[in-house]
């Protein structure tokens, strides 16, 4: 089932997760919402992956939520209204968790976007660390066009990634943001000629990240995510706390020695998750 929806490959500690429903514009059908975080969490749990690239197949990155998800709801007839709405809140939270895993992962996540990145696709790439796209790429907060508010992560993340006024324009109008404006607004790191070039740019960045100390990369991601949501003072305290426990000299010594010897440094992987608990 996983291979029908997403494909995962690993090359020299860089994982590539590819959305694999081109015939359906890679729309997120119901199984995706459990399989995607499960796959990401398994990669993170291994301790061996140092960067993740999220790619896609076909003409478009993704059309977002598959409409079949809206059409297959549990029967709530006869359920008391308060309990019904409370369950709705829990359902939305579960969908949000699908992409929260990208921020929790100990490695950076890089998106390679071709064609349309629509609705839930914007939620997905908003949770990534970096984004590369094709010249024909466009981004659309589609939810407003179908009479709802985007609720899986676009707003709390996107307005901290790019110019807020541009996010509001997208959110209120449902207009498409083309690749050039996405680059100018800070959403994407680079605009590439085609899908292959965008994927190569993302994987090149991932390979460079994978050559660094995975512990230092993890710490960097933790502090940058913390700093995005907290004051400078709080973030400095968090940084001091992190360094007091995580900073050791082995990786620094290896990096300096490798530089002097003109070779690629070799760092230990992070520890895998302990399955005892």
C-alpha atoms as a PDB file:
ATOM      1  CA  UNK A   1       0.000   0.000   0.000  1.00  0.00           C
ATOM      2  CA  UNK A   2       2.825   2.418   0.889  1.00  0.00           C
ATOM      3  CA  UNK A   3       4.514   1.942  -2.487  1.00  0.00           C
ATOM      4  CA  UNK A   4       1.254   2.738  -4.250  1.00  0.00           C
ATOM      5  CA  UNK A   5       1.035   6.157  -2.597  1.00  0.00           C
ATOM      6  CA  UNK A   6       4.618   7.088  -1.790  1.00  0.00           C
ATOM      7  CA  UNK A   7       7.995   5.673  -2.762  1.00  0.00           C
ATOM      8  CA  UNK A   8      11.073   5.928  -0.569  1.00  0.00           C
ATOM      9  CA  UNK A   9      14.696   5.552  -1.624  1.00  0.00           C
ATOM     10  CA  UNK A  10      17.897   6.043   0.368  1.00  0.00           C
ATOM     11  CA  UNK A  11      21.276   6.983  -1.073  1.00  0.00           C
ATOM     12  CA  UNK A  12      24.272   7.702   1.130  1.00  0.00           C
ATOM     13  CA  UNK A  13      22.180   8.792   4.113  1.00  0.00           C
ATOM     14  CA  UNK A  14      19.879  11.011   2.028  1.00  0.00           C
ATOM     15  CA  UNK A  15      16.284   9.766   1.789  1.00  0.00           C
ATOM     16  CA  UNK A  16      13.931  10.751  -1.011  1.00  0.00           C
ATOM     17  CA  UNK A  17      10.194  10.376  -0.427  1.00  0.00           C
ATOM     18  CA  UNK A  18       8.249  10.611  -3.682  1.00  0.00           C
ATOM     19  CA  UNK A  19       4.504  11.211  -3.937  1.00  0.00           C
ATOM     20  CA  UNK A  20       3.317   8.527  -6.337  1.00  0.00           C
ATOM     21  CA  UNK A  21      -0.224   9.135  -7.578  1.00  0.00           C
ATOM     22  CA  UNK A  22       0.403  11.051 -10.819  1.00  0.00           C
ATOM     23  CA  UNK A  23      -2.857   9.834 -12.331  1.00  0.00           C
ATOM     24  CA  UNK A  24      -4.679  11.648  -9.488  1.00  0.00           C
ATOM     25  CA  UNK A  25      -2.350  14.686  -9.483  1.00  0.00           C
ATOM     26  CA  UNK A  26      -0.795  13.212  -6.330  1.00  0.00           C
ATOM     27  CA  UNK A  27      -3.836  14.201  -4.292  1.00  0.00           C
ATOM     28  CA  UNK A  28      -3.766  13.091  -0.655  1.00  0.00           C
ATOM     29  CA  UNK A  29      -6.216  10.186  -0.346  1.00  0.00           C
ATOM     30  CA  UNK A  30      -7.235   8.931   3.092  1.00  0.00           C
ATOM     31  CA  UNK A  31      -4.409   6.333   3.465  1.00  0.00           C
ATOM     32  CA  UNK A  32      -1.785   9.027   2.805  1.00  0.00           C
ATOM     33  CA  UNK A  33      -2.528  10.814   6.075  1.00  0.00           C
ATOM     34  CA  UNK A  34      -1.307   7.842   8.114  1.00  0.00           C
ATOM     35  CA  UNK A  35       1.340   6.470   5.758  1.00  0.00           C
ATOM     36  CA  UNK A  36       3.204   9.741   5.268  1.00  0.00           C
ATOM     37  CA  UNK A  37       4.006  10.464   8.942  1.00  0.00           C
ATOM     38  CA  UNK A  38       4.661   6.766   9.582  1.00  0.00           C
ATOM     39  CA  UNK A  39       7.276   6.761   6.821  1.00  0.00           C
ATOM     40  CA  UNK A  40       8.933   9.985   7.995  1.00  0.00           C
ATOM     41  CA  UNK A  41       9.002   8.803  11.600  1.00  0.00           C
ATOM     42  CA  UNK A  42      10.564   5.473  10.597  1.00  0.00           C
ATOM     43  CA  UNK A  43      13.316   7.307   8.720  1.00  0.00           C
ATOM     44  CA  UNK A  44      13.922   9.542  11.726  1.00  0.00           C
ATOM     45  CA  UNK A  45      13.842   6.634  14.156  1.00  0.00           C
ATOM     46  CA  UNK A  46      16.669   4.844  12.357  1.00  0.00           C
ATOM     47  CA  UNK A  47      19.160   7.575  13.239  1.00  0.00           C
ATOM     48  CA  UNK A  48      20.888   6.988   9.901  1.00  0.00           C
ATOM     49  CA  UNK A  49      19.136   9.575   7.713  1.00  0.00           C
ATOM     50  CA  UNK A  50      20.712  13.028   7.609  1.00  0.00           C
ATOM     51  CA  UNK A  51      18.429  14.803   5.147  1.00  0.00           C
ATOM     52  CA  UNK A  52      15.090  14.104   3.475  1.00  0.00           C
ATOM     53  CA  UNK A  53      13.963  15.265   0.034  1.00  0.00           C
ATOM     54  CA  UNK A  54      10.243  15.258  -0.768  1.00  0.00           C
ATOM     55  CA  UNK A  55       9.583  14.954  -4.490  1.00  0.00           C
ATOM     56  CA  UNK A  56       6.670  14.032  -6.707  1.00  0.00           C
ATOM     57  CA  UNK A  57       5.686  12.420  -9.999  1.00  0.00           C
ATOM     58  CA  UNK A  58       3.867  13.645 -13.074  1.00  0.00           C
ATOM     59  CA  UNK A  59       3.059  17.189 -14.127  1.00  0.00           C
ATOM     60  CA  UNK A  60       2.078  18.547 -10.707  1.00  0.00           C
ATOM     61  CA  UNK A  61       3.552  18.248  -7.223  1.00  0.00           C
ATOM     62  CA  UNK A  62       0.135  17.733  -5.641  1.00  0.00           C
ATOM     63  CA  UNK A  63      -3.476  18.844  -5.955  1.00  0.00           C
ATOM     64  CA  UNK A  64      -3.765  18.681  -2.149  1.00  0.00           C
ATOM     65  CA  UNK A  65      -6.555  16.919  -0.297  1.00  0.00           C
ATOM     66  CA  UNK A  66      -8.313  14.254  -2.341  1.00  0.00           C
ATOM     67  CA  UNK A  67     -11.989  15.202  -2.395  1.00  0.00           C
ATOM     68  CA  UNK A  68     -12.891  11.611  -1.518  1.00  0.00           C
ATOM     69  CA  UNK A  69     -11.704  12.383   2.019  1.00  0.00           C
ATOM     70  CA  UNK A  70     -14.551  14.867   2.408  1.00  0.00           C
ATOM     71  CA  UNK A  71     -17.057  12.411   0.971  1.00  0.00           C
ATOM     72  CA  UNK A  72     -16.304   9.502   3.328  1.00  0.00           C
ATOM     73  CA  UNK A  73     -17.202  10.759   6.785  1.00  0.00           C
ATOM     74  CA  UNK A  74     -18.230   8.611   9.756  1.00  0.00           C
ATOM     75  CA  UNK A  75     -21.934   8.525  10.515  1.00  0.00           C
ATOM     76  CA  UNK A  76     -22.556  10.998  13.333  1.00  0.00           C
ATOM     77  CA  UNK A  77     -26.335  10.903  13.202  1.00  0.00           C
ATOM     78  CA  UNK A  78     -27.733  10.749  16.696  1.00  0.00           C
ATOM     79  CA  UNK A  79     -24.473  11.902  18.295  1.00  0.00           C
ATOM     80  CA  UNK A  80     -24.847  14.791  20.749  1.00  0.00           C
ATOM     81  CA  UNK A  81     -23.740  18.060  19.075  1.00  0.00           C
ATOM     82  CA  UNK A  82     -20.992  18.972  21.547  1.00  0.00           C
ATOM     83  CA  UNK A  83     -19.375  15.548  21.282  1.00  0.00           C
ATOM     84  CA  UNK A  84     -19.690  15.643  17.508  1.00  0.00           C
ATOM     85  CA  UNK A  85     -17.874  18.982  17.237  1.00  0.00           C
ATOM     86  CA  UNK A  86     -15.258  17.923  19.797  1.00  0.00           C
ATOM     87  CA  UNK A  87     -14.474  14.917  17.618  1.00  0.00           C
ATOM     88  CA  UNK A  88     -14.171  17.237  14.630  1.00  0.00           C
ATOM     89  CA  UNK A  89     -11.501  19.178  16.523  1.00  0.00           C
ATOM     90  CA  UNK A  90      -9.621  15.945  17.207  1.00  0.00           C
ATOM     91  CA  UNK A  91      -9.873  14.992  13.525  1.00  0.00           C
ATOM     92  CA  UNK A  92      -8.323  18.267  12.393  1.00  0.00           C
ATOM     93  CA  UNK A  93      -5.542  17.811  14.954  1.00  0.00           C
ATOM     94  CA  UNK A  94      -4.783  14.352  13.525  1.00  0.00           C
ATOM     95  CA  UNK A  95      -4.477  15.804  10.021  1.00  0.00           C
ATOM     96  CA  UNK A  96      -2.161  18.507  11.365  1.00  0.00           C
ATOM     97  CA  UNK A  97       0.061  15.833  12.911  1.00  0.00           C
ATOM     98  CA  UNK A  98       0.714  14.426   9.429  1.00  0.00           C
ATOM     99  CA  UNK A  99       3.044  17.327   8.626  1.00  0.00           C
ATOM    100  CA  UNK A 100       4.161  18.159  12.171  1.00  0.00           C
ATOM    101  CA  UNK A 101       6.448  15.136  11.838  1.00  0.00           C
ATOM    102  CA  UNK A 102       8.562  17.090   9.346  1.00  0.00           C
ATOM    103  CA  UNK A 103       9.409  19.684  11.986  1.00  0.00           C
ATOM    104  CA  UNK A 104      10.029  17.055  14.663  1.00  0.00           C
ATOM    105  CA  UNK A 105      12.430  15.065  12.477  1.00  0.00           C
ATOM    106  CA  UNK A 106      16.082  15.363  13.503  1.00  0.00           C
ATOM    107  CA  UNK A 107      17.111  15.994   9.900  1.00  0.00           C
ATOM    108  CA  UNK A 108      16.277  18.886   7.531  1.00  0.00           C
ATOM    109  CA  UNK A 109      13.507  18.333   4.973  1.00  0.00           C
ATOM    110  CA  UNK A 110      13.737  19.775   1.450  1.00  0.00           C
ATOM    111  CA  UNK A 111      10.867  19.967  -1.047  1.00  0.00           C
ATOM    112  CA  UNK A 112      11.315  19.739  -4.827  1.00  0.00           C
ATOM    113  CA  UNK A 113       8.149  21.160  -6.394  1.00  0.00           C
ATOM    114  CA  UNK A 114       7.066  20.908 -10.023  1.00  0.00           C
ATOM    115  CA  UNK A 115       3.854  22.347 -11.477  1.00  0.00           C
ATOM    116  CA  UNK A 116       0.997  22.936  -9.081  1.00  0.00           C
ATOM    117  CA  UNK A 117       1.375  22.852  -5.309  1.00  0.00           C
ATOM    118  CA  UNK A 118      -2.196  23.306  -4.170  1.00  0.00           C
ATOM    119  CA  UNK A 119      -4.123  23.288  -0.898  1.00  0.00           C
ATOM    120  CA  UNK A 120      -2.671  20.597   1.354  1.00  0.00           C
ATOM    121  CA  UNK A 121       0.509  20.729  -0.689  1.00  0.00           C
ATOM    122  CA  UNK A 122       1.144  24.217   0.677  1.00  0.00           C
ATOM    123  CA  UNK A 123       0.592  22.839   4.195  1.00  0.00           C
ATOM    124  CA  UNK A 124       3.221  20.196   3.437  1.00  0.00           C
ATOM    125  CA  UNK A 125       5.933  22.431   1.998  1.00  0.00           C
ATOM    126  CA  UNK A 126       5.353  25.034   4.730  1.00  0.00           C
ATOM    127  CA  UNK A 127       6.606  22.456   7.235  1.00  0.00           C
ATOM    128  CA  UNK A 128       9.772  21.795   5.200  1.00  0.00           C
ATOM    129  CA  UNK A 129      13.081  23.522   5.888  1.00  0.00           C
ATOM    130  CA  UNK A 130      13.855  24.460   2.275  1.00  0.00           C
ATOM    131  CA  UNK A 131      12.029  24.494  -1.059  1.00  0.00           C
ATOM    132  CA  UNK A 132      13.130  24.324  -4.705  1.00  0.00           C
ATOM    133  CA  UNK A 133      10.718  24.628  -7.610  1.00  0.00           C
ATOM    134  CA  UNK A 134      10.394  24.593 -11.401  1.00  0.00           C
ATOM    135  CA  UNK A 135       9.827  27.619 -13.606  1.00  0.00           C
ATOM    136  CA  UNK A 136       6.241  26.500 -14.214  1.00  0.00           C
ATOM    137  CA  UNK A 137       5.490  25.920 -10.515  1.00  0.00           C
ATOM    138  CA  UNK A 138       2.649  27.709  -8.801  1.00  0.00           C
ATOM    139  CA  UNK A 139       1.346  27.719  -5.250  1.00  0.00           C
ATOM    140  CA  UNK A 140      -2.280  28.134  -4.255  1.00  0.00           C
ATOM    141  CA  UNK A 141      -4.099  28.232  -0.911  1.00  0.00           C
ATOM    142  CA  UNK A 142      -7.015  26.474  -2.528  1.00  0.00           C
ATOM    143  CA  UNK A 143      -9.168  26.126   0.570  1.00  0.00           C
ATOM    144  CA  UNK A 144     -10.678  29.606   0.233  1.00  0.00           C
ATOM    145  CA  UNK A 145     -11.834  28.691  -3.294  1.00  0.00           C
ATOM    146  CA  UNK A 146     -13.915  25.809  -1.952  1.00  0.00           C
ATOM    147  CA  UNK A 147     -15.438  27.725   0.953  1.00  0.00           C
ATOM    148  CA  UNK A 148     -13.225  26.746   3.865  1.00  0.00           C
ATOM    149  CA  UNK A 149     -10.239  27.966   5.872  1.00  0.00           C
ATOM    150  CA  UNK A 150      -6.894  26.205   5.489  1.00  0.00           C
ATOM    151  CA  UNK A 151      -6.427  24.264   8.723  1.00  0.00           C
ATOM    152  CA  UNK A 152      -3.514  21.810   8.461  1.00  0.00           C
ATOM    153  CA  UNK A 153      -0.579  24.190   8.985  1.00  0.00           C
ATOM    154  CA  UNK A 154      -0.341  26.758   6.211  1.00  0.00           C
ATOM    155  CA  UNK A 155      -1.049  29.899   8.241  1.00  0.00           C
ATOM    156  CA  UNK A 156       1.117  29.478  11.359  1.00  0.00           C
ATOM    157  CA  UNK A 157       4.094  28.484   9.209  1.00  0.00           C
ATOM    158  CA  UNK A 158       3.812  30.240   5.854  1.00  0.00           C
ATOM    159  CA  UNK A 159       3.509  33.754   7.255  1.00  0.00           C
ATOM    160  CA  UNK A 160       6.830  33.196   9.038  1.00  0.00           C
ATOM    161  CA  UNK A 161       8.506  31.847   5.899  1.00  0.00           C
ATOM    162  CA  UNK A 162       7.585  34.615   3.458  1.00  0.00           C
ATOM    163  CA  UNK A 163       6.178  38.143   3.278  1.00  0.00           C
ATOM    164  CA  UNK A 164       2.954  38.213   5.315  1.00  0.00           C
ATOM    165  CA  UNK A 165       1.158  40.524   2.888  1.00  0.00           C
ATOM    166  CA  UNK A 166       1.726  38.003   0.087  1.00  0.00           C
ATOM    167  CA  UNK A 167       0.415  35.177   2.277  1.00  0.00           C
ATOM    168  CA  UNK A 168      -2.694  37.217   3.025  1.00  0.00           C
ATOM    169  CA  UNK A 169      -3.208  37.918  -0.663  1.00  0.00           C
ATOM    170  CA  UNK A 170      -3.018  34.189  -1.402  1.00  0.00           C
ATOM    171  CA  UNK A 171      -5.238  33.312   1.545  1.00  0.00           C
ATOM    172  CA  UNK A 172      -7.988  35.853   0.864  1.00  0.00           C
ATOM    173  CA  UNK A 173      -8.127  35.582  -2.930  1.00  0.00           C
ATOM    174  CA  UNK A 174      -7.109  31.992  -3.714  1.00  0.00           C
ATOM    175  CA  UNK A 175      -4.842  33.325  -6.451  1.00  0.00           C
ATOM    176  CA  UNK A 176      -1.907  31.328  -7.759  1.00  0.00           C
ATOM    177  CA  UNK A 177       1.555  32.498  -6.756  1.00  0.00           C
ATOM    178  CA  UNK A 178       3.958  31.827  -9.626  1.00  0.00           C
ATOM    179  CA  UNK A 179       7.552  30.702  -9.242  1.00  0.00           C
ATOM    180  CA  UNK A 180       9.141  34.121  -9.689  1.00  0.00           C
ATOM    181  CA  UNK A 181       6.946  35.749  -7.037  1.00  0.00           C
ATOM    182  CA  UNK A 182       7.459  32.766  -4.745  1.00  0.00           C
ATOM    183  CA  UNK A 183      11.214  33.281  -4.990  1.00  0.00           C
ATOM    184  CA  UNK A 184      10.938  37.044  -4.485  1.00  0.00           C
ATOM    185  CA  UNK A 185       8.723  36.527  -1.423  1.00  0.00           C
ATOM    186  CA  UNK A 186      11.147  34.041   0.137  1.00  0.00           C
ATOM    187  CA  UNK A 187       9.052  30.894  -0.233  1.00  0.00           C
ATOM    188  CA  UNK A 188      11.511  29.023  -2.454  1.00  0.00           C
ATOM    189  CA  UNK A 189      15.300  28.905  -2.384  1.00  0.00           C
ATOM    190  CA  UNK A 190      15.768  28.547  -6.138  1.00  0.00           C
ATOM    191  CA  UNK A 191      13.730  28.381  -9.331  1.00  0.00           C
ATOM    192  CA  UNK A 192      14.966  25.614 -11.641  1.00  0.00           C
ATOM    193  CA  UNK A 193      14.340  24.896 -15.320  1.00  0.00           C
ATOM    194  CA  UNK A 194      12.376  21.666 -14.893  1.00  0.00           C
ATOM    195  CA  UNK A 195      11.456  18.869 -12.480  1.00  0.00           C
ATOM    196  CA  UNK A 196      14.746  17.016 -12.890  1.00  0.00           C
ATOM    197  CA  UNK A 197      16.721  20.195 -12.211  1.00  0.00           C
ATOM    198  CA  UNK A 198      14.628  21.021  -9.138  1.00  0.00           C
ATOM    199  CA  UNK A 199      15.089  17.517  -7.758  1.00  0.00           C
ATOM    200  CA  UNK A 200      18.825  17.635  -8.397  1.00  0.00           C
ATOM    201  CA  UNK A 201      19.097  21.024  -6.681  1.00  0.00           C
ATOM    202  CA  UNK A 202      17.218  19.671  -3.657  1.00  0.00           C
ATOM    203  CA  UNK A 203      19.314  16.513  -3.531  1.00  0.00           C
ATOM    204  CA  UNK A 204      22.545  18.481  -3.939  1.00  0.00           C
ATOM    205  CA  UNK A 205      21.602  20.569  -0.906  1.00  0.00           C
ATOM    206  CA  UNK A 206      20.640  17.383   0.963  1.00  0.00           C
ATOM    207  CA  UNK A 207      24.010  15.772   0.172  1.00  0.00           C
ATOM    208  CA  UNK A 208      25.828  18.847   1.453  1.00  0.00           C
ATOM    209  CA  UNK A 209      23.788  18.788   4.661  1.00  0.00           C
ATOM    210  CA  UNK A 210      24.459  15.057   5.041  1.00  0.00           C
ATOM    211  CA  UNK A 211      28.213  15.739   5.026  1.00  0.00           C
ATOM    212  CA  UNK A 212      27.942  17.810   8.228  1.00  0.00           C
ATOM    213  CA  UNK A 213      27.736  16.616  11.819  1.00  0.00           C
ATOM    214  CA  UNK A 214      24.209  15.206  12.227  1.00  0.00           C
ATOM    215  CA  UNK A 215      24.188  16.240  15.880  1.00  0.00           C
ATOM    216  CA  UNK A 216      25.092  19.834  14.990  1.00  0.00           C
ATOM    217  CA  UNK A 217      22.456  19.842  12.230  1.00  0.00           C
ATOM    218  CA  UNK A 218      19.817  18.523  14.631  1.00  0.00           C
ATOM    219  CA  UNK A 219      20.705  21.198  17.171  1.00  0.00           C
ATOM    220  CA  UNK A 220      20.589  23.888  14.509  1.00  0.00           C
ATOM    221  CA  UNK A 221      17.117  22.805  13.371  1.00  0.00           C
ATOM    222  CA  UNK A 222      15.839  22.599  16.944  1.00  0.00           C
ATOM    223  CA  UNK A 223      17.008  26.100  17.806  1.00  0.00           C
ATOM    224  CA  UNK A 224      15.820  27.685  14.557  1.00  0.00           C
ATOM    225  CA  UNK A 225      12.349  26.181  15.018  1.00  0.00           C
ATOM    226  CA  UNK A 226      12.311  27.275  18.655  1.00  0.00           C
ATOM    227  CA  UNK A 227      13.454  30.784  17.760  1.00  0.00           C
ATOM    228  CA  UNK A 228      10.733  31.128  15.142  1.00  0.00           C
ATOM    229  CA  UNK A 229       8.092  30.766  17.851  1.00  0.00           C
ATOM    230  CA  UNK A 230       9.807  32.421  20.857  1.00  0.00           C
ATOM    231  CA  UNK A 231      11.566  35.634  21.848  1.00  0.00           C
ATOM    232  CA  UNK A 232      15.269  36.194  21.330  1.00  0.00           C
ATOM    233  CA  UNK A 233      15.838  35.989  25.089  1.00  0.00           C
ATOM    234  CA  UNK A 234      14.009  32.659  25.383  1.00  0.00           C
ATOM    235  CA  UNK A 235      15.862  31.270  22.381  1.00  0.00           C
ATOM    236  CA  UNK A 236      19.263  32.229  23.793  1.00  0.00           C
ATOM    237  CA  UNK A 237      18.390  30.400  27.012  1.00  0.00           C
ATOM    238  CA  UNK A 238      17.254  27.373  25.013  1.00  0.00           C
ATOM    239  CA  UNK A 239      20.494  27.465  23.017  1.00  0.00           C
ATOM    240  CA  UNK A 240      22.560  27.534  26.207  1.00  0.00           C
ATOM    241  CA  UNK A 241      20.609  24.591  27.589  1.00  0.00           C
ATOM    242  CA  UNK A 242      21.050  22.620  24.351  1.00  0.00           C
ATOM    243  CA  UNK A 243      24.777  23.293  24.199  1.00  0.00           C
ATOM    244  CA  UNK A 244      25.311  22.347  27.827  1.00  0.00           C
ATOM    245  CA  UNK A 245      24.158  18.829  27.068  1.00  0.00           C
ATOM    246  CA  UNK A 246      24.750  18.203  23.369  1.00  0.00           C
ATOM    247  CA  UNK A 247      27.983  20.034  22.574  1.00  0.00           C
ATOM    248  CA  UNK A 248      30.923  17.677  22.638  1.00  0.00           C
ATOM    249  CA  UNK A 249      34.316  18.063  20.976  1.00  0.00           C
ATOM    250  CA  UNK A 250      34.467  14.832  18.951  1.00  0.00           C
ATOM    251  CA  UNK A 251      32.580  16.123  15.900  1.00  0.00           C
ATOM    252  CA  UNK A 252      34.403  19.443  15.956  1.00  0.00           C
ATOM    253  CA  UNK A 253      37.755  17.680  16.174  1.00  0.00           C
ATOM    254  CA  UNK A 254      36.832  15.436  13.240  1.00  0.00           C
ATOM    255  CA  UNK A 255      35.662  18.381  11.142  1.00  0.00           C
ATOM    256  CA  UNK A 256      38.870  20.311  11.762  1.00  0.00           C
ATOM    257  CA  UNK A 257      41.106  17.288  11.172  1.00  0.00           C
ATOM    258  CA  UNK A 258      39.315  16.421   7.934  1.00  0.00           C
ATOM    259  CA  UNK A 259      39.716  20.007   6.723  1.00  0.00           C
ATOM    260  CA  UNK A 260      43.447  19.934   7.430  1.00  0.00           C
ATOM    261  CA  UNK A 261      43.798  16.562   5.714  1.00  0.00           C
ATOM    262  CA  UNK A 262      41.627  17.694   2.777  1.00  0.00           C
ATOM    263  CA  UNK A 263      39.149  14.825   3.131  1.00  0.00           C
ATOM    264  CA  UNK A 264      35.466  14.392   3.833  1.00  0.00           C
ATOM    265  CA  UNK A 265      34.764  14.175   7.569  1.00  0.00           C
ATOM    266  CA  UNK A 266      33.202  11.030   8.969  1.00  0.00           C
ATOM    267  CA  UNK A 267      30.623  11.494  11.710  1.00  0.00           C
ATOM    268  CA  UNK A 268      28.710   8.937  13.752  1.00  0.00           C
ATOM    269  CA  UNK A 269      25.000   8.573  13.029  1.00  0.00           C
ATOM    270  CA  UNK A 270      22.465   9.684  15.586  1.00  0.00           C
ATOM    271  CA  UNK A 271      21.209   6.938  17.861  1.00  0.00           C
ATOM    272  CA  UNK A 272      18.122   5.011  16.743  1.00  0.00           C
ATOM    273  CA  UNK A 273      14.957   5.264  18.792  1.00  0.00           C
ATOM    274  CA  UNK A 274      14.836   2.974  21.785  1.00  0.00           C
ATOM    275  CA  UNK A 275      11.960   0.516  21.368  1.00  0.00           C
ATOM    276  CA  UNK A 276      12.119  -0.608  25.013  1.00  0.00           C
ATOM    277  CA  UNK A 277       9.651   1.974  26.288  1.00  0.00           C
END
